[in-house]
């Protein structure tokens, strides 16, 4: 049994699969890239050396990549140390692929499913102990070449030695930031990030009635929060409203019955109409925003006003606020608390359910969603006891804030590199 990973078989040559294959090939690994047919596999390989935005940093490393199809070449996976399944997000198809993986793989190979939210226990239900001790979830974020995060989720029977072998490879060889997550719906990044997006959509109607347009919302939910400039509506345009619809359906089935997120799993009426009409975002030429080319060659950014149901010119908003707007007694403050503040409180109530500590949660949001600070770092900046006071007025205090209050300490992190554990004591942050 190899104690290191030197070769990778990637099953699925779409955007994500080709990206993972390119990462490994760039580092000199032997790579097998398979898909349903040779044409699909070739398309993935060609993307690695495309004229615009090639997936490979060193184009000569394409020589490390061999392609094939599931019918003729599946048995070739027995020559590879890590088998990474990256097929479509459908449980039945993933289970079928896993049955074939177990049939052909060699002893000691590590097997992972790259999924953004399907529980590992569902993928591997009733499968052999031989597979269960070698299997985990790897959740890379798109675009793989750029995004630092990879969430790694073990199963109940995954051997620590096999899990560590893969985590070392992903961090030390592929150069990604590994976050330790648990086998819960949407793991860490998407559990919190999708709550933020869906909650934001649901708060939108009241906000618009209070004079907070979509442009103002995006201005608040970007630089002041330390979030990317897309804001909330702009990010959903990038992701696609169809993806958010599917995420909501998955959450409605798999969230715990008492989870606050269950209130927001269905799209609001206005957004549901956009979905029904196929107005999904950038992929359809427009969603909440679109770019129009004028006759003189200029470009005009327009916003689909959810209140009026019409397109209009988007207004440029100069937002002179910072994170502390969340605690302001104003329209902007109330909206910011309901969207971002509630997301921070949601995150503070999910430990140890989704992760054992606050460090993995903060890293997931910084590395996967490009937040400047993680939820607990943001709470520290706001002042944890200001948040506790606000939560008490609203009815309940999240678990980690209760732990902090009971500890007698003042912050989740210390200046000398320690974080507050669920035991209420400080521990050293590890790399």
Protein backbone atom coordinates (compact mmCIF):
# COMPACT_ATOMS: atom_id res chain seq x y z
CA UNK A 1 0.00 0.00 0.00
CA UNK A 2 1.38 3.38 -1.02
CA UNK A 3 1.75 5.90 1.80
CA UNK A 4 1.64 8.72 -0.76
CA UNK A 5 -0.58 9.64 -3.69
CA UNK A 6 1.27 9.86 -7.01
CA UNK A 7 -1.53 9.23 -9.51
CA UNK A 8 -5.15 10.34 -9.88
CA UNK A 9 -8.12 8.95 -11.80
CA UNK A 10 -10.82 11.58 -12.31
CA UNK A 11 -14.24 10.26 -13.29
CA UNK A 12 -16.12 13.08 -15.01
CA UNK A 13 -14.48 15.55 -17.40
CA UNK A 14 -16.73 18.56 -16.93
CA UNK A 15 -15.55 21.92 -15.62
CA UNK A 16 -14.84 20.61 -12.12
CA UNK A 17 -13.37 17.27 -13.15
CA UNK A 18 -11.08 18.78 -15.77
CA UNK A 19 -9.99 21.38 -13.21
CA UNK A 20 -9.03 18.76 -10.63
CA UNK A 21 -7.26 16.69 -13.28
CA UNK A 22 -5.29 19.74 -14.41
CA UNK A 23 -4.21 20.51 -10.83
CA UNK A 24 -2.75 17.04 -10.46
CA UNK A 25 -1.16 17.01 -13.92
CA UNK A 26 0.50 20.37 -13.24
CA UNK A 27 2.25 18.76 -10.25
CA UNK A 28 3.63 15.91 -12.34
CA UNK A 29 1.08 13.27 -11.35
CA UNK A 30 -0.07 10.58 -13.73
CA UNK A 31 -3.73 11.41 -14.48
CA UNK A 32 -6.57 9.38 -16.00
CA UNK A 33 -9.60 11.44 -17.11
CA UNK A 34 -12.72 9.45 -17.99
CA UNK A 35 -16.22 10.42 -19.07
CA UNK A 36 -19.27 8.84 -20.63
CA UNK A 37 -17.66 8.92 -24.09
CA UNK A 38 -14.36 9.87 -25.71
CA UNK A 39 -15.79 13.15 -27.01
CA UNK A 40 -16.67 14.35 -23.51
CA UNK A 41 -13.28 13.30 -22.17
CA UNK A 42 -11.50 15.06 -25.06
CA UNK A 43 -13.45 18.24 -24.37
CA UNK A 44 -12.21 18.19 -20.77
CA UNK A 45 -8.63 17.60 -21.84
CA UNK A 46 -8.78 20.35 -24.47
CA UNK A 47 -9.93 22.81 -21.81
CA UNK A 48 -6.60 22.28 -20.07
CA UNK A 49 -4.70 23.86 -22.97
CA UNK A 50 -7.37 26.26 -24.30
CA UNK A 51 -6.13 29.52 -25.82
CA UNK A 52 -8.13 31.53 -23.29
CA UNK A 53 -7.83 30.65 -19.61
CA UNK A 54 -6.19 27.22 -19.88
CA UNK A 55 -6.64 25.04 -16.81
CA UNK A 56 -2.97 24.04 -16.83
CA UNK A 57 -0.31 26.47 -15.66
CA UNK A 58 2.36 24.51 -17.57
CA UNK A 59 0.88 23.43 -20.90
CA UNK A 60 3.59 20.81 -21.40
CA UNK A 61 2.11 18.86 -18.47
CA UNK A 62 -0.77 17.80 -20.73
CA UNK A 63 1.44 14.79 -21.44
CA UNK A 64 0.56 13.53 -17.95
CA UNK A 65 -3.12 13.20 -18.88
CA UNK A 66 -4.62 10.07 -20.43
CA UNK A 67 -8.29 10.04 -21.42
CA UNK A 68 -10.91 7.37 -21.99
CA UNK A 69 -14.55 6.43 -21.53
CA UNK A 70 -16.52 4.62 -18.85
CA UNK A 71 -17.33 1.62 -21.06
CA UNK A 72 -13.88 0.77 -22.41
CA UNK A 73 -11.44 2.17 -19.87
CA UNK A 74 -13.01 1.97 -16.42
CA UNK A 75 -10.82 -0.96 -15.37
CA UNK A 76 -7.75 1.27 -15.85
CA UNK A 77 -8.51 2.90 -12.49
CA UNK A 78 -6.73 -0.04 -10.85
CA UNK A 79 -3.43 1.72 -11.66
CA UNK A 80 -4.25 4.91 -9.69
CA UNK A 81 -3.81 5.92 -6.05
CA UNK A 82 -6.74 8.34 -5.75
CA UNK A 83 -10.02 7.89 -7.59
CA UNK A 84 -12.05 11.10 -7.62
CA UNK A 85 -15.65 10.83 -8.84
CA UNK A 86 -16.90 14.13 -10.30
CA UNK A 87 -20.06 13.18 -12.19
CA UNK A 88 -23.41 14.99 -12.23
CA UNK A 89 -25.07 15.78 -8.88
CA UNK A 90 -27.47 12.85 -8.94
CA UNK A 91 -27.43 10.24 -6.22
CA UNK A 92 -28.42 7.31 -8.45
CA UNK A 93 -25.63 8.01 -10.94
CA UNK A 94 -23.02 8.51 -8.21
CA UNK A 95 -24.00 5.19 -6.59
CA UNK A 96 -23.69 3.38 -9.92
CA UNK A 97 -20.23 4.87 -10.47
CA UNK A 98 -19.17 3.88 -6.95
CA UNK A 99 -20.22 0.28 -7.50
CA UNK A 100 -17.96 0.19 -10.56
CA UNK A 101 -15.13 1.88 -8.67
CA UNK A 102 -15.20 -0.80 -5.99
CA UNK A 103 -15.23 -3.50 -8.66
CA UNK A 104 -12.01 -2.33 -10.32
CA UNK A 105 -9.91 -0.30 -7.87
CA UNK A 106 -6.74 -1.61 -6.26
CA UNK A 107 -6.29 -2.21 -2.55
CA UNK A 108 -5.39 0.92 -0.62
CA UNK A 109 -6.57 3.42 -3.23
CA UNK A 110 -8.40 6.40 -1.76
CA UNK A 111 -11.85 7.08 -3.21
CA UNK A 112 -13.72 10.39 -3.03
CA UNK A 113 -16.94 11.83 -4.35
CA UNK A 114 -16.73 15.48 -5.31
CA UNK A 115 -20.14 16.82 -4.41
CA UNK A 116 -21.43 20.13 -3.14
CA UNK A 117 -24.07 18.69 -0.87
CA UNK A 118 -25.04 15.02 -1.28
CA UNK A 119 -24.31 13.16 1.98
CA UNK A 120 -21.61 10.49 1.76
CA UNK A 121 -23.75 8.08 3.76
CA UNK A 122 -26.37 8.16 0.97
CA UNK A 123 -23.80 7.56 -1.77
CA UNK A 124 -22.20 4.59 0.02
CA UNK A 125 -25.26 3.05 1.71
CA UNK A 126 -24.96 -0.78 1.95
CA UNK A 127 -21.57 -0.80 0.21
CA UNK A 128 -18.65 -2.96 1.34
CA UNK A 129 -16.42 -2.27 4.34
CA UNK A 130 -13.47 -2.46 1.94
CA UNK A 131 -14.77 0.69 0.26
CA UNK A 132 -16.04 2.39 3.42
CA UNK A 133 -12.60 2.46 5.06
CA UNK A 134 -11.09 4.21 2.01
CA UNK A 135 -13.85 6.67 1.08
CA UNK A 136 -14.59 10.36 1.73
CA UNK A 137 -16.05 13.51 0.19
CA UNK A 138 -13.79 16.08 -1.46
CA UNK A 139 -15.59 19.34 -2.21
CA UNK A 140 -13.48 21.63 -4.37
CA UNK A 141 -14.88 25.05 -5.29
CA UNK A 142 -15.10 26.48 -8.81
CA UNK A 143 -13.00 27.65 -10.52
CA UNK A 144 -10.69 24.97 -9.16
CA UNK A 145 -7.57 26.67 -10.46
CA UNK A 146 -8.31 29.81 -8.41
CA UNK A 147 -10.40 28.92 -5.36
CA UNK A 148 -8.36 27.78 -2.38
CA UNK A 149 -10.96 25.73 -0.51
CA UNK A 150 -11.34 21.98 -0.49
CA UNK A 151 -13.68 20.56 2.14
CA UNK A 152 -12.83 16.99 3.14
CA UNK A 153 -15.52 14.89 4.81
CA UNK A 154 -14.89 11.37 6.13
CA UNK A 155 -17.45 8.60 6.49
CA UNK A 156 -18.16 6.75 9.71
CA UNK A 157 -15.67 3.99 8.85
CA UNK A 158 -13.00 5.98 6.96
CA UNK A 159 -9.54 5.11 8.26
CA UNK A 160 -7.63 8.14 9.57
CA UNK A 161 -4.44 7.08 7.78
CA UNK A 162 -6.21 7.11 4.39
CA UNK A 163 -7.93 10.40 5.08
CA UNK A 164 -4.67 12.04 6.14
CA UNK A 165 -2.89 10.71 3.04
CA UNK A 166 -5.43 12.48 0.84
CA UNK A 167 -5.46 15.69 2.90
CA UNK A 168 -1.66 15.92 2.71
CA UNK A 169 -1.80 15.45 -1.07
CA UNK A 170 -4.51 18.11 -1.53
CA UNK A 171 -2.76 20.65 0.69
CA UNK A 172 0.94 20.01 0.05
CA UNK A 173 0.87 18.90 -3.60
CA UNK A 174 -2.25 20.55 -5.05
CA UNK A 175 -1.80 23.66 -2.89
CA UNK A 176 -5.36 23.90 -1.60
CA UNK A 177 -6.64 24.87 1.84
CA UNK A 178 -8.15 21.78 3.41
CA UNK A 179 -11.09 22.30 5.76
CA UNK A 180 -12.34 19.48 7.96
CA UNK A 181 -16.10 19.19 7.59
CA UNK A 182 -18.76 16.69 8.62
CA UNK A 183 -21.25 14.60 6.65
CA UNK A 184 -24.07 17.12 6.94
CA UNK A 185 -26.11 18.73 4.17
CA UNK A 186 -24.05 21.19 2.08
CA UNK A 187 -21.12 20.75 4.51
CA UNK A 188 -19.70 24.10 5.77
CA UNK A 189 -19.26 26.67 3.01
CA UNK A 190 -22.50 26.07 1.15
CA UNK A 191 -24.52 25.53 4.32
CA UNK A 192 -23.67 29.05 5.51
CA UNK A 193 -23.27 30.72 2.12
CA UNK A 194 -26.58 29.42 0.77
CA UNK A 195 -28.37 30.45 3.95
CA UNK A 196 -27.01 33.97 3.39
CA UNK A 197 -28.18 34.05 -0.23
CA UNK A 198 -31.63 32.54 0.33
CA UNK A 199 -32.25 34.61 3.45
CA UNK A 200 -31.19 37.69 1.49
CA UNK A 201 -33.73 36.97 -1.26
CA UNK A 202 -36.49 36.55 1.30
CA UNK A 203 -35.62 39.83 3.02
CA UNK A 204 -35.58 41.62 -0.33
CA UNK A 205 -39.29 42.42 -0.62
CA UNK A 206 -39.51 44.21 2.74
CA UNK A 207 -36.22 45.95 1.98
CA UNK A 208 -37.54 47.27 -1.35
CA UNK A 209 -40.63 48.60 0.42
CA UNK A 210 -38.27 50.47 2.76
CA UNK A 211 -36.40 52.03 -0.15
CA UNK A 212 -33.50 49.55 -0.26
CA UNK A 213 -33.23 48.69 -3.94
CA UNK A 214 -31.34 45.69 -5.31
CA UNK A 215 -28.39 47.96 -6.08
CA UNK A 216 -28.33 49.28 -2.50
CA UNK A 217 -28.58 45.73 -1.19
CA UNK A 218 -25.59 44.66 -3.28
CA UNK A 219 -23.67 47.75 -2.20
CA UNK A 220 -24.28 46.83 1.45
CA UNK A 221 -23.61 43.12 0.97
CA UNK A 222 -20.20 43.65 -0.59
CA UNK A 223 -17.38 45.99 0.54
CA UNK A 224 -18.92 46.97 3.92
CA UNK A 225 -19.19 43.29 4.85
CA UNK A 226 -15.82 42.36 3.40
CA UNK A 227 -17.53 40.35 0.64
CA UNK A 228 -16.83 40.25 -3.12
CA UNK A 229 -18.14 43.18 -5.23
CA UNK A 230 -20.92 41.10 -6.80
CA UNK A 231 -22.99 41.51 -3.65
CA UNK A 232 -25.93 39.17 -3.15
CA UNK A 233 -28.02 39.50 -6.32
CA UNK A 234 -24.92 39.74 -8.48
CA UNK A 235 -23.53 36.53 -6.98
CA UNK A 236 -26.76 34.66 -7.62
CA UNK A 237 -26.65 35.90 -11.23
CA UNK A 238 -23.18 34.37 -11.47
CA UNK A 239 -24.22 31.07 -9.88
CA UNK A 240 -27.59 30.82 -11.59
CA UNK A 241 -31.09 31.00 -10.15
CA UNK A 242 -31.63 27.40 -11.29
CA UNK A 243 -28.78 26.30 -9.04
CA UNK A 244 -30.28 28.17 -6.09
CA UNK A 245 -33.64 26.53 -6.80
CA UNK A 246 -31.99 23.08 -6.70
CA UNK A 247 -30.02 23.98 -3.57
CA UNK A 248 -33.26 24.96 -1.86
CA UNK A 249 -34.91 21.65 -2.76
CA UNK A 250 -31.92 19.70 -1.41
CA UNK A 251 -31.96 21.72 1.81
CA UNK A 252 -35.71 21.20 2.24
CA UNK A 253 -35.15 17.44 2.29
CA UNK A 254 -31.92 17.24 4.30
CA UNK A 255 -31.88 20.11 6.81
CA UNK A 256 -32.61 19.18 10.43
CA UNK A 257 -36.28 19.70 11.26
CA UNK A 258 -35.59 22.60 13.65
CA UNK A 259 -33.11 24.41 11.36
CA UNK A 260 -33.79 28.11 10.78
CA UNK A 261 -32.85 27.71 7.13
CA UNK A 262 -35.99 25.70 6.41
CA UNK A 263 -37.96 28.97 6.35
CA UNK A 264 -36.08 30.11 3.24
CA UNK A 265 -35.62 26.99 1.08
CA UNK A 266 -38.28 28.01 -1.47
CA UNK A 267 -37.64 30.97 -3.76
CA UNK A 268 -39.77 34.05 -2.98
CA UNK A 269 -42.66 34.65 -5.42
CA UNK A 270 -40.82 37.28 -7.46
CA UNK A 271 -37.71 35.12 -7.89
CA UNK A 272 -39.84 32.04 -8.60
CA UNK A 273 -41.38 33.90 -11.55
CA UNK A 274 -37.91 34.63 -12.90
CA UNK A 275 -37.01 30.96 -12.55
CA UNK A 276 -40.23 29.86 -14.28
CA UNK A 277 -39.53 32.28 -17.14
CA UNK A 278 -35.95 31.05 -17.58
CA UNK A 279 -34.42 34.36 -16.45
CA UNK A 280 -31.64 32.63 -14.52
CA UNK A 281 -28.62 34.95 -14.57
CA UNK A 282 -25.56 35.43 -16.71
CA UNK A 283 -25.98 32.05 -18.40
CA UNK A 284 -29.27 33.24 -19.94
CA UNK A 285 -28.12 36.76 -20.78
CA UNK A 286 -29.62 38.30 -17.68
CA UNK A 287 -31.16 37.59 -14.32
CA UNK A 288 -31.30 40.37 -11.76
CA UNK A 289 -28.85 42.32 -13.95
CA UNK A 290 -27.97 42.41 -17.64
CA UNK A 291 -25.57 44.28 -19.88
CA UNK A 292 -27.03 45.94 -22.98
CA UNK A 293 -24.89 46.96 -25.96
CA UNK A 294 -25.89 50.37 -27.27
CA UNK A 295 -25.75 51.43 -30.92
CA UNK A 296 -22.69 53.60 -30.24
CA UNK A 297 -20.80 50.62 -28.84
CA UNK A 298 -21.19 51.59 -25.17
CA UNK A 299 -22.48 49.15 -22.61
CA UNK A 300 -25.41 49.84 -20.30
CA UNK A 301 -25.94 47.91 -17.08
CA UNK A 302 -29.61 47.35 -16.31
CA UNK A 303 -31.37 45.89 -13.29
CA UNK A 304 -34.61 43.92 -13.33
CA UNK A 305 -36.62 45.78 -10.74
CA UNK A 306 -38.41 43.07 -8.77
CA UNK A 307 -40.89 45.63 -7.43
CA UNK A 308 -42.09 46.94 -10.79
CA UNK A 309 -41.26 43.90 -12.93
CA UNK A 310 -39.41 46.07 -15.49
CA UNK A 311 -35.83 46.57 -16.59
CA UNK A 312 -34.29 49.94 -15.80
CA UNK A 313 -30.83 51.47 -15.78
CA UNK A 314 -28.84 50.27 -12.76
CA UNK A 315 -27.80 53.01 -10.37
CA UNK A 316 -24.22 53.21 -9.15
CA UNK A 317 -24.23 53.29 -5.34
CA UNK A 318 -21.35 54.71 -3.32
CA UNK A 319 -21.73 53.00 0.05
CA UNK A 320 -19.83 54.71 2.87
CA UNK A 321 -20.50 52.05 5.50
CA UNK A 322 -18.47 49.35 7.24
CA UNK A 323 -19.32 46.13 9.07
CA UNK A 324 -20.71 48.03 12.05
CA UNK A 325 -23.76 48.98 9.98
CA UNK A 326 -25.09 45.59 11.13
CA UNK A 327 -25.63 47.08 14.59
CA UNK A 328 -27.01 50.44 13.45
CA UNK A 329 -30.57 51.45 14.33
CA UNK A 330 -31.46 52.42 10.76
CA UNK A 331 -33.07 50.95 7.63
CA UNK A 332 -29.65 49.91 6.37
CA UNK A 333 -28.75 48.50 9.77
CA UNK A 334 -31.96 46.53 10.15
CA UNK A 335 -31.58 45.03 6.68
CA UNK A 336 -27.90 44.23 7.25
CA UNK A 337 -28.70 42.50 10.53
CA UNK A 338 -31.51 40.46 8.95
CA UNK A 339 -29.25 39.25 6.13
CA UNK A 340 -25.62 39.24 7.29
CA UNK A 341 -26.19 39.44 11.04
CA UNK A 342 -28.56 36.49 10.97
CA UNK A 343 -26.04 34.54 8.86
CA UNK A 344 -23.33 35.14 11.47
CA UNK A 345 -25.70 34.00 14.21
CA UNK A 346 -26.70 30.97 12.11
CA UNK A 347 -23.02 30.00 11.79
CA UNK A 348 -22.54 30.46 15.54
CA UNK A 349 -25.30 27.91 16.16
CA UNK A 350 -23.87 25.18 13.88
CA UNK A 351 -20.90 24.02 15.95
CA UNK A 352 -20.29 21.15 16.51
CA UNK A 353 -22.93 20.06 13.99
CA UNK A 354 -21.04 20.98 10.80
CA UNK A 355 -17.47 21.37 12.15
CA UNK A 356 -15.66 20.78 15.41
CA UNK A 357 -14.34 24.31 15.72
CA UNK A 358 -14.70 27.90 14.56
CA UNK A 359 -11.41 27.87 12.63
CA UNK A 360 -12.71 25.42 10.01
CA UNK A 361 -15.88 27.48 9.60
CA UNK A 362 -13.99 30.75 9.16
CA UNK A 363 -11.54 29.19 6.70
CA UNK A 364 -14.36 27.70 4.65
CA UNK A 365 -16.02 31.07 4.14
CA UNK A 366 -12.76 32.90 3.38
CA UNK A 367 -11.35 30.26 1.04
CA UNK A 368 -14.61 29.18 -0.61
CA UNK A 369 -16.64 32.41 -0.80
CA UNK A 370 -13.80 34.97 -0.77
CA UNK A 371 -15.00 36.64 2.42
CA UNK A 372 -12.30 38.87 3.89
CA UNK A 373 -13.12 37.50 7.35
CA UNK A 374 -14.93 34.43 8.57
CA UNK A 375 -18.15 34.60 10.63
CA UNK A 376 -16.41 34.41 14.01
CA UNK A 377 -13.76 36.92 13.00
CA UNK A 378 -16.59 39.25 11.98
CA UNK A 379 -18.38 38.72 15.30
CA UNK A 380 -15.13 39.62 17.06
CA UNK A 381 -14.92 42.80 15.00
CA UNK A 382 -18.51 43.76 15.83
CA UNK A 383 -18.06 42.93 19.50
CA UNK A 384 -19.43 39.54 20.63
CA UNK A 385 -21.27 40.98 23.61
CA UNK A 386 -23.04 43.55 21.44
CA UNK A 387 -24.25 40.61 19.36
CA UNK A 388 -25.24 38.67 22.49
CA UNK A 389 -27.22 41.65 23.75
CA UNK A 390 -29.05 41.96 20.42
CA UNK A 391 -29.77 38.21 20.33
CA UNK A 392 -31.20 38.28 23.85
CA UNK A 393 -33.61 41.03 22.82
CA UNK A 394 -34.67 38.91 19.83
CA UNK A 395 -35.17 35.79 21.92
CA UNK A 396 -32.22 33.35 21.78
CA UNK A 397 -28.42 33.28 21.83
CA UNK A 398 -26.54 30.91 19.46
CA UNK A 399 -24.48 28.09 21.00
CA UNK A 400 -20.98 29.47 20.44
CA UNK A 401 -21.95 32.88 21.79
CA UNK A 402 -23.39 31.16 24.87
CA UNK A 403 -20.09 29.32 25.28
CA UNK A 404 -18.15 32.59 24.96
CA UNK A 405 -20.40 34.35 27.47
CA UNK A 406 -20.09 31.50 29.99
CA UNK A 407 -16.31 31.39 29.59
CA UNK A 408 -15.83 34.91 30.92
CA UNK A 409 -13.65 35.76 27.91
CA UNK A 410 -14.25 38.64 25.50
CA UNK A 411 -13.49 37.27 22.02
CA UNK A 412 -13.35 34.13 19.91
CA UNK A 413 -9.74 34.73 18.89
CA UNK A 414 -6.72 36.01 20.80
CA UNK A 415 -3.84 38.12 19.54
CA UNK A 416 -1.40 35.29 20.19
CA UNK A 417 -2.97 32.84 17.72
CA UNK A 418 -5.55 30.98 19.78
CA UNK A 419 -9.26 30.30 19.24
CA UNK A 420 -12.11 29.44 21.57
CA UNK A 421 -12.99 25.75 21.54
CA UNK A 422 -16.49 24.36 22.23
CA UNK A 423 -15.20 23.58 25.73
CA UNK A 424 -14.94 27.33 26.40
CA UNK A 425 -11.14 27.32 26.55
CA UNK A 426 -8.57 28.68 24.13
CA UNK A 427 -6.57 26.36 21.90
CA UNK A 428 -3.67 26.99 19.53
CA UNK A 429 -4.61 27.44 15.87
CA UNK A 430 -2.93 24.74 13.77
CA UNK A 431 -1.85 25.21 10.15
